[in-house]
Amino acid sequence: MSYTEIEYGVQDGIATVTLNRPHRMNAYTYVMRTEMLDAFDRIDADDAVRAVVVTGAGRAFCAGADLGGGGDTFDKEKSKDMFAGRTTSWRTAPRATAAARSRCASPAA
């Protein structure tokens, strides 16, 4: 899968997932959700990955939900399946996961 709203790479056993919508302060979208789930599936399948860093391009880590869709942003029918039936591997994976935030003295783990 090619990505349009995230970047993904692995180097020296460390996977990096970068939210890549700096023009929107990396606001979360359904496309980003799909891409992140795919990236975490790839991480889960790669035994060489020992740690995961999640970061954001530009000046913000993530501004939250992209409200650019107006009233559809919180439409129950569209949003009810956002994570339904899915436990993302980063929650249960036997790897260290850290969020690297801009201008933050200590990253969250």
N, C-alpha and C. Protein backbone atom coordinates (compact mmCIF):
# COMPACT_ATOMS: atom_id res chain seq x y z
N MET A 1 0.85 -1.18 0.00
CA MET A 1 0.00 0.00 0.00
C MET A 1 0.90 1.24 0.00
N SER A 2 0.59 2.18 -0.86
CA SER A 2 1.32 3.45 -0.83
C SER A 2 0.55 4.42 0.07
N TYR A 3 1.29 5.29 0.74
CA TYR A 3 0.69 6.20 1.72
C TYR A 3 0.68 7.63 1.20
N THR A 4 -0.40 8.34 1.50
CA THR A 4 -0.51 9.75 1.12
C THR A 4 -0.56 10.68 2.33
N GLU A 5 -0.95 10.14 3.51
CA GLU A 5 -1.10 10.98 4.69
C GLU A 5 -0.19 10.59 5.85
N ILE A 6 0.58 9.53 5.67
CA ILE A 6 1.61 9.18 6.64
C ILE A 6 2.88 8.82 5.87
N GLU A 7 3.97 8.79 6.58
CA GLU A 7 5.22 8.23 6.06
C GLU A 7 5.59 7.08 6.98
N TYR A 8 6.20 6.05 6.39
CA TYR A 8 6.56 4.85 7.16
C TYR A 8 7.96 4.41 6.76
N GLY A 9 8.75 4.07 7.75
CA GLY A 9 10.08 3.56 7.45
C GLY A 9 10.61 2.77 8.63
N VAL A 10 11.57 1.89 8.34
CA VAL A 10 12.22 1.09 9.37
C VAL A 10 13.72 1.22 9.17
N GLN A 11 14.41 1.54 10.26
CA GLN A 11 15.87 1.62 10.21
C GLN A 11 16.42 1.13 11.54
N ASP A 12 17.37 0.21 11.48
CA ASP A 12 18.01 -0.33 12.68
C ASP A 12 17.01 -0.87 13.70
N GLY A 13 15.97 -1.53 13.23
CA GLY A 13 14.98 -2.14 14.11
C GLY A 13 13.96 -1.18 14.69
N ILE A 14 14.00 0.08 14.25
CA ILE A 14 13.05 1.09 14.75
C ILE A 14 12.14 1.52 13.62
N ALA A 15 10.84 1.29 13.79
CA ALA A 15 9.85 1.73 12.80
C ALA A 15 9.43 3.15 13.17
N THR A 16 9.33 4.01 12.17
CA THR A 16 8.86 5.38 12.39
C THR A 16 7.63 5.61 11.54
N VAL A 17 6.55 6.03 12.19
CA VAL A 17 5.31 6.40 11.51
C VAL A 17 5.15 7.91 11.71
N THR A 18 5.15 8.65 10.61
CA THR A 18 5.04 10.10 10.67
C THR A 18 3.70 10.53 10.08
N LEU A 19 2.89 11.22 10.90
CA LEU A 19 1.66 11.81 10.38
C LEU A 19 2.10 12.92 9.45
N ASN A 20 1.65 12.90 8.20
CA ASN A 20 2.21 13.79 7.19
C ASN A 20 1.15 14.67 6.53
N ARG A 21 0.52 15.50 7.33
CA ARG A 21 -0.42 16.51 6.83
C ARG A 21 -0.10 17.84 7.53
N PRO A 22 1.13 18.32 7.41
CA PRO A 22 1.52 19.50 8.18
C PRO A 22 0.69 20.74 7.85
N HIS A 23 0.16 20.82 6.64
CA HIS A 23 -0.68 21.96 6.26
C HIS A 23 -1.99 21.99 7.04
N ARG A 24 -2.38 20.86 7.64
CA ARG A 24 -3.59 20.76 8.47
C ARG A 24 -3.22 20.36 9.90
N MET A 25 -1.97 20.62 10.29
CA MET A 25 -1.46 20.25 11.62
C MET A 25 -1.68 18.77 11.91
N ASN A 26 -1.56 17.96 10.87
CA ASN A 26 -1.67 16.50 10.95
C ASN A 26 -3.02 16.04 11.51
N ALA A 27 -4.06 16.80 11.21
CA ALA A 27 -5.40 16.43 11.67
C ALA A 27 -5.78 15.05 11.12
N TYR A 28 -6.42 14.27 11.96
CA TYR A 28 -6.75 12.87 11.70
C TYR A 28 -7.92 12.73 10.73
N THR A 29 -7.76 11.86 9.73
CA THR A 29 -8.79 11.60 8.73
C THR A 29 -9.01 10.09 8.60
N TYR A 30 -10.05 9.72 7.87
CA TYR A 30 -10.28 8.29 7.60
C TYR A 30 -9.15 7.70 6.76
N VAL A 31 -8.61 8.48 5.84
CA VAL A 31 -7.48 8.00 5.04
C VAL A 31 -6.29 7.72 5.95
N MET A 32 -6.00 8.65 6.86
CA MET A 32 -4.90 8.46 7.80
C MET A 32 -5.13 7.22 8.66
N ARG A 33 -6.36 7.02 9.09
CA ARG A 33 -6.70 5.84 9.88
C ARG A 33 -6.36 4.56 9.12
N THR A 34 -6.78 4.49 7.88
CA THR A 34 -6.53 3.30 7.06
C THR A 34 -5.03 3.08 6.88
N GLU A 35 -4.31 4.15 6.61
CA GLU A 35 -2.87 4.05 6.41
C GLU A 35 -2.15 3.64 7.69
N MET A 36 -2.56 4.20 8.83
CA MET A 36 -1.93 3.83 10.10
C MET A 36 -2.19 2.38 10.46
N LEU A 37 -3.42 1.91 10.24
CA LEU A 37 -3.71 0.50 10.51
C LEU A 37 -2.85 -0.40 9.64
N ASP A 38 -2.67 -0.04 8.38
CA ASP A 38 -1.82 -0.82 7.50
C ASP A 38 -0.37 -0.81 7.99
N ALA A 39 0.12 0.36 8.36
CA ALA A 39 1.50 0.47 8.85
C ALA A 39 1.70 -0.38 10.10
N PHE A 40 0.74 -0.34 11.03
CA PHE A 40 0.88 -1.15 12.25
C PHE A 40 0.73 -2.64 11.95
N ASP A 41 -0.02 -3.02 10.95
CA ASP A 41 -0.05 -4.42 10.53
C ASP A 41 1.32 -4.84 10.00
N ARG A 42 1.95 -3.96 9.23
CA ARG A 42 3.30 -4.25 8.71
C ARG A 42 4.30 -4.38 9.86
N ILE A 43 4.19 -3.50 10.83
CA ILE A 43 5.08 -3.54 12.00
C ILE A 43 4.87 -4.85 12.75
N ASP A 44 3.62 -5.22 12.94
CA ASP A 44 3.29 -6.44 13.67
C ASP A 44 3.85 -7.68 12.98
N ALA A 45 3.90 -7.66 11.67
CA ALA A 45 4.38 -8.81 10.90
C ALA A 45 5.90 -8.85 10.78
N ASP A 46 6.59 -7.79 11.17
CA ASP A 46 8.05 -7.69 11.00
C ASP A 46 8.74 -7.91 12.34
N ASP A 47 9.28 -9.12 12.54
CA ASP A 47 9.94 -9.45 13.80
C ASP A 47 11.23 -8.66 14.02
N ALA A 48 11.76 -8.04 12.98
CA ALA A 48 12.97 -7.24 13.12
C ALA A 48 12.70 -5.89 13.80
N VAL A 49 11.44 -5.47 13.81
CA VAL A 49 11.08 -4.19 14.44
C VAL A 49 11.01 -4.40 15.95
N ARG A 50 11.85 -3.64 16.69
CA ARG A 50 11.89 -3.75 18.14
C ARG A 50 11.22 -2.57 18.84
N ALA A 51 11.07 -1.46 18.12
CA ALA A 51 10.46 -0.27 18.72
C ALA A 51 9.75 0.52 17.63
N VAL A 52 8.77 1.33 18.05
CA VAL A 52 7.99 2.14 17.12
C VAL A 52 7.96 3.57 17.64
N VAL A 53 8.22 4.53 16.73
CA VAL A 53 8.11 5.94 17.05
C VAL A 53 7.00 6.51 16.17
N VAL A 54 6.04 7.20 16.80
CA VAL A 54 4.99 7.88 16.06
C VAL A 54 5.22 9.37 16.26
N THR A 55 5.32 10.10 15.15
CA THR A 55 5.61 11.53 15.21
C THR A 55 4.78 12.27 14.17
N GLY A 56 4.88 13.58 14.17
CA GLY A 56 4.13 14.39 13.21
C GLY A 56 5.06 15.30 12.44
N ALA A 57 4.78 15.49 11.16
CA ALA A 57 5.55 16.41 10.33
C ALA A 57 5.15 17.85 10.66
N GLY A 58 6.10 18.76 10.56
CA GLY A 58 5.78 20.16 10.79
C GLY A 58 5.73 20.52 12.26
N ARG A 59 4.93 21.52 12.59
CA ARG A 59 4.95 22.07 13.95
C ARG A 59 4.00 21.41 14.93
N ALA A 60 3.19 20.46 14.48
CA ALA A 60 2.23 19.82 15.38
C ALA A 60 2.31 18.31 15.27
N PHE A 61 2.06 17.64 16.39
CA PHE A 61 1.98 16.18 16.35
C PHE A 61 0.67 15.79 15.67
N CYS A 62 -0.47 16.21 16.23
CA CYS A 62 -1.78 15.93 15.66
C CYS A 62 -2.79 16.87 16.30
N ALA A 63 -3.53 17.57 15.47
CA ALA A 63 -4.52 18.53 15.96
C ALA A 63 -5.83 17.87 16.37
N GLY A 64 -5.94 16.56 16.21
CA GLY A 64 -7.19 15.85 16.50
C GLY A 64 -7.92 15.57 15.21
N ALA A 65 -9.22 15.39 15.28
CA ALA A 65 -10.01 15.09 14.10
C ALA A 65 -10.00 16.26 13.13
N ASP A 66 -9.91 15.97 11.85
CA ASP A 66 -9.98 17.01 10.83
C ASP A 66 -11.43 17.48 10.72
N LEU A 67 -11.66 18.70 11.12
CA LEU A 67 -13.02 19.25 11.11
C LEU A 67 -13.37 19.90 9.79
N GLY A 68 -12.50 19.79 8.80
CA GLY A 68 -12.72 20.39 7.49
C GLY A 68 -13.95 19.84 6.78
N GLY A 69 -14.44 18.68 7.19
CA GLY A 69 -15.62 18.08 6.57
C GLY A 69 -16.92 18.66 7.10
N GLY A 70 -16.83 19.61 8.00
CA GLY A 70 -18.04 20.22 8.54
C GLY A 70 -18.84 19.24 9.37
N GLY A 71 -20.15 19.28 9.21
CA GLY A 71 -21.05 18.44 9.99
C GLY A 71 -20.84 16.95 9.80
N ASP A 72 -20.26 16.54 8.67
CA ASP A 72 -20.01 15.12 8.43
C ASP A 72 -18.92 14.55 9.32
N THR A 73 -18.11 15.41 9.92
CA THR A 73 -17.00 14.93 10.75
C THR A 73 -17.47 13.99 11.84
N PHE A 74 -18.60 14.29 12.46
CA PHE A 74 -19.09 13.48 13.56
C PHE A 74 -20.38 12.74 13.22
N ASP A 75 -20.62 12.52 11.94
CA ASP A 75 -21.78 11.77 11.49
C ASP A 75 -21.70 10.35 12.05
N LYS A 76 -22.71 9.94 12.82
CA LYS A 76 -22.68 8.63 13.48
C LYS A 76 -22.52 7.48 12.49
N GLU A 77 -23.20 7.53 11.38
CA GLU A 77 -23.11 6.44 10.41
C GLU A 77 -21.72 6.33 9.80
N LYS A 78 -21.08 7.47 9.57
CA LYS A 78 -19.74 7.45 8.98
C LYS A 78 -18.67 7.12 10.00
N SER A 79 -18.86 7.55 11.25
CA SER A 79 -17.80 7.40 12.24
C SER A 79 -17.93 6.14 13.10
N LYS A 80 -19.07 5.46 13.07
CA LYS A 80 -19.26 4.31 13.98
C LYS A 80 -18.27 3.18 13.72
N ASP A 81 -17.76 3.07 12.51
CA ASP A 81 -16.83 1.99 12.19
C ASP A 81 -15.37 2.42 12.23
N MET A 82 -15.10 3.58 12.80
CA MET A 82 -13.71 4.08 12.81
C MET A 82 -12.74 3.04 13.34
N PHE A 83 -13.06 2.42 14.46
CA PHE A 83 -12.19 1.36 15.00
C PHE A 83 -12.99 0.12 15.38
N ALA A 84 -14.22 0.03 14.96
CA ALA A 84 -15.07 -1.11 15.32
C ALA A 84 -14.43 -2.43 14.93
N GLY A 85 -14.41 -3.34 15.88
CA GLY A 85 -13.91 -4.68 15.61
C GLY A 85 -12.41 -4.74 15.38
N ARG A 86 -11.72 -3.69 15.74
CA ARG A 86 -10.29 -3.64 15.45
C ARG A 86 -9.52 -3.25 16.70
N THR A 87 -8.60 -4.09 17.12
CA THR A 87 -7.67 -3.71 18.18
C THR A 87 -6.34 -3.47 17.48
N THR A 88 -5.92 -2.25 17.45
CA THR A 88 -4.68 -1.94 16.74
C THR A 88 -3.51 -2.59 17.44
N SER A 89 -2.57 -3.08 16.68
CA SER A 89 -1.46 -3.84 17.22
C SER A 89 -0.58 -3.01 18.15
N TRP A 90 -0.55 -1.70 18.00
CA TRP A 90 0.31 -0.90 18.88
C TRP A 90 -0.14 -0.96 20.32
N ARG A 91 -1.38 -1.31 20.55
CA ARG A 91 -1.87 -1.41 21.93
C ARG A 91 -1.44 -2.70 22.60
N THR A 92 -1.20 -3.73 21.84
CA THR A 92 -0.91 -5.04 22.41
C THR A 92 0.43 -5.61 21.95
N ALA A 93 1.12 -4.94 21.06
CA ALA A 93 2.36 -5.47 20.51
C ALA A 93 3.46 -5.51 21.57
N PRO A 94 4.33 -6.53 21.49
CA PRO A 94 5.43 -6.63 22.45
C PRO A 94 6.61 -5.75 22.03
N ARG A 95 6.33 -4.49 21.72
CA ARG A 95 7.36 -3.54 21.30
C ARG A 95 7.13 -2.24 22.05
N ALA A 96 8.21 -1.51 22.22
CA ALA A 96 8.08 -0.18 22.82
C ALA A 96 7.51 0.77 21.77
N THR A 97 6.52 1.59 22.15
CA THR A 97 5.94 2.57 21.24
C THR A 97 6.02 3.93 21.91
N ALA A 98 6.57 4.92 21.19
CA ALA A 98 6.70 6.27 21.74
C ALA A 98 6.14 7.26 20.75
N ALA A 99 5.55 8.32 21.27
CA ALA A 99 5.09 9.43 20.43
C ALA A 99 6.09 10.56 20.60
N ALA A 100 6.72 10.96 19.51
CA ALA A 100 7.70 12.04 19.55
C ALA A 100 6.99 13.33 19.18
N ARG A 101 6.81 14.20 20.15
CA ARG A 101 6.08 15.43 19.91
C ARG A 101 7.03 16.60 19.71
N SER A 102 6.59 17.58 18.95
CA SER A 102 7.39 18.76 18.68
C SER A 102 7.64 19.56 19.96
N ARG A 103 8.87 20.00 20.14
CA ARG A 103 9.28 20.83 21.27
C ARG A 103 8.84 20.24 22.61
N CYS A 104 9.04 18.95 22.77
CA CYS A 104 8.67 18.27 24.00
C CYS A 104 9.93 17.70 24.63
N ALA A 105 10.20 18.06 25.88
CA ALA A 105 11.43 17.61 26.54
C ALA A 105 11.47 16.11 26.75
N SER A 106 10.32 15.50 27.00
CA SER A 106 10.31 14.05 27.20
C SER A 106 9.16 13.43 26.43
N PRO A 107 9.46 12.53 25.50
CA PRO A 107 8.40 11.91 24.69
C PRO A 107 7.50 11.02 25.54
N ALA A 108 6.27 10.88 25.08
CA ALA A 108 5.33 9.97 25.75
C ALA A 108 5.65 8.56 25.33
N ALA A 109 5.46 7.61 26.23
CA ALA A 109 5.72 6.21 25.89
C ALA A 109 4.52 5.38 26.25
